[in-house]
C-alpha cells in the first residue's frame, strides 16, 4: 500500500529586478520569421521593428518580454536569503 502526504503551502511569485529584463520582437508576417534578437533594453528592439516594417511593409509583430521571477513560501524569509545568495554579483 502506498501512502502519500500532501503539504499545502502559501506561495508568492515576484519579479527579481537584479535578474534584468530581456526584450525581443519577432516579425509575424507570413513566412518572414525575422527578429530583433535578445536586447537588454526595449528601445533597440522597437527600433528594429520600425526599421524592418519600413523596409518590408510588414506591420504585425510579436513582442516577447522575459524577466526573472522568484517563487517563495509566503511565511519563510529564509527563502529570500537563499535566493539572494544565488544571484550573480
Protein backbone atom coordinates (compact mmCIF):
# COMPACT_ATOMS: atom_id res chain seq x y z
CA UNK A 1 0.00 0.00 0.00
CA UNK A 2 1.38 3.41 -1.00
CA UNK A 3 0.73 6.33 1.28
CA UNK A 4 1.22 9.95 0.38
CA UNK A 5 1.41 13.07 2.45
CA UNK A 6 0.40 16.33 0.84
CA UNK A 7 1.66 19.60 2.20
CA UNK A 8 -0.19 22.74 1.15
CA UNK A 9 1.74 25.99 1.47
CA UNK A 10 1.01 29.59 0.55
CA UNK A 11 3.43 30.71 -2.15
CA UNK A 12 4.07 34.04 -3.80
CA UNK A 13 5.81 34.94 -7.05
CA UNK A 14 7.67 38.21 -7.57
CA UNK A 15 9.79 39.88 -10.24
CA UNK A 16 13.51 39.82 -9.44
CA UNK A 17 14.91 43.22 -10.54
CA UNK A 18 18.51 42.03 -10.24
CA UNK A 19 17.82 39.45 -12.96
CA UNK A 20 17.06 42.10 -15.56
CA UNK A 21 14.54 42.08 -18.39
CA UNK A 22 15.11 40.82 -21.95
CA UNK A 23 13.17 42.37 -24.87
CA UNK A 24 12.71 40.71 -28.25
CA UNK A 25 10.50 41.46 -31.27
CA UNK A 26 9.59 38.97 -34.00
CA UNK A 27 8.02 39.72 -37.36
CA UNK A 28 4.69 37.88 -37.56
CA UNK A 29 4.21 38.35 -41.32
CA UNK A 30 3.61 35.11 -43.20
CA UNK A 31 6.88 33.12 -43.56
CA UNK A 32 9.11 36.02 -42.51
CA UNK A 33 10.38 34.83 -39.15
CA UNK A 34 12.97 37.57 -38.67
CA UNK A 35 13.56 39.02 -35.24
CA UNK A 36 15.45 41.66 -33.33
CA UNK A 37 17.38 39.18 -31.23
CA UNK A 38 17.51 39.47 -27.44
CA UNK A 39 18.00 43.05 -26.22
CA UNK A 40 18.70 44.37 -22.72
CA UNK A 41 16.53 47.42 -23.41
CA UNK A 42 13.19 48.00 -25.11
CA UNK A 43 14.44 50.75 -27.43
CA UNK A 44 16.72 48.67 -29.74
CA UNK A 45 14.01 46.01 -30.17
CA UNK A 46 11.41 48.62 -31.10
CA UNK A 47 13.85 50.38 -33.42
CA UNK A 48 14.45 47.07 -35.22
CA UNK A 49 10.68 46.55 -35.70
CA UNK A 50 10.23 50.05 -37.11
CA UNK A 51 13.18 49.61 -39.46
CA UNK A 52 12.00 46.18 -40.59
CA UNK A 53 8.48 47.49 -41.17
CA UNK A 54 9.83 50.38 -43.23
CA UNK A 55 11.96 48.08 -45.37
CA UNK A 56 9.37 45.32 -45.91
CA UNK A 57 5.94 46.89 -45.24
CA UNK A 58 5.35 44.13 -42.67
CA UNK A 59 3.19 45.56 -39.92
CA UNK A 60 2.45 42.72 -37.47
CA UNK A 61 4.99 41.90 -34.77
CA UNK A 62 5.12 39.72 -31.68
CA UNK A 63 6.85 41.21 -28.65
CA UNK A 64 8.38 38.98 -26.01
CA UNK A 65 9.46 40.34 -22.65
CA UNK A 66 11.29 37.93 -20.37
CA UNK A 67 12.09 38.57 -16.74
CA UNK A 68 13.22 36.54 -13.77
CA UNK A 69 10.76 35.56 -11.07
CA UNK A 70 11.22 34.20 -7.60
CA UNK A 71 8.71 31.82 -6.01
CA UNK A 72 8.82 31.93 -2.23
CA UNK A 73 6.95 30.47 0.68
CA UNK A 74 4.77 33.27 2.00
CA UNK A 75 5.95 32.81 5.60
CA UNK A 76 9.63 31.97 5.04
CA UNK A 77 12.00 34.94 4.90
CA UNK A 78 14.90 32.46 4.74
CA UNK A 79 13.86 31.70 1.15
CA UNK A 80 14.66 35.31 0.22
CA UNK A 81 18.14 34.98 1.70
CA UNK A 82 18.74 31.78 -0.23
CA UNK A 83 17.59 33.45 -3.50
CA UNK A 84 19.90 36.42 -2.91
CA UNK A 85 22.87 34.13 -2.47
CA UNK A 86 22.20 32.53 -5.89
CA UNK A 87 22.11 35.76 -7.89
CA UNK A 88 25.26 36.83 -9.74
CA UNK A 89 27.01 39.84 -8.24
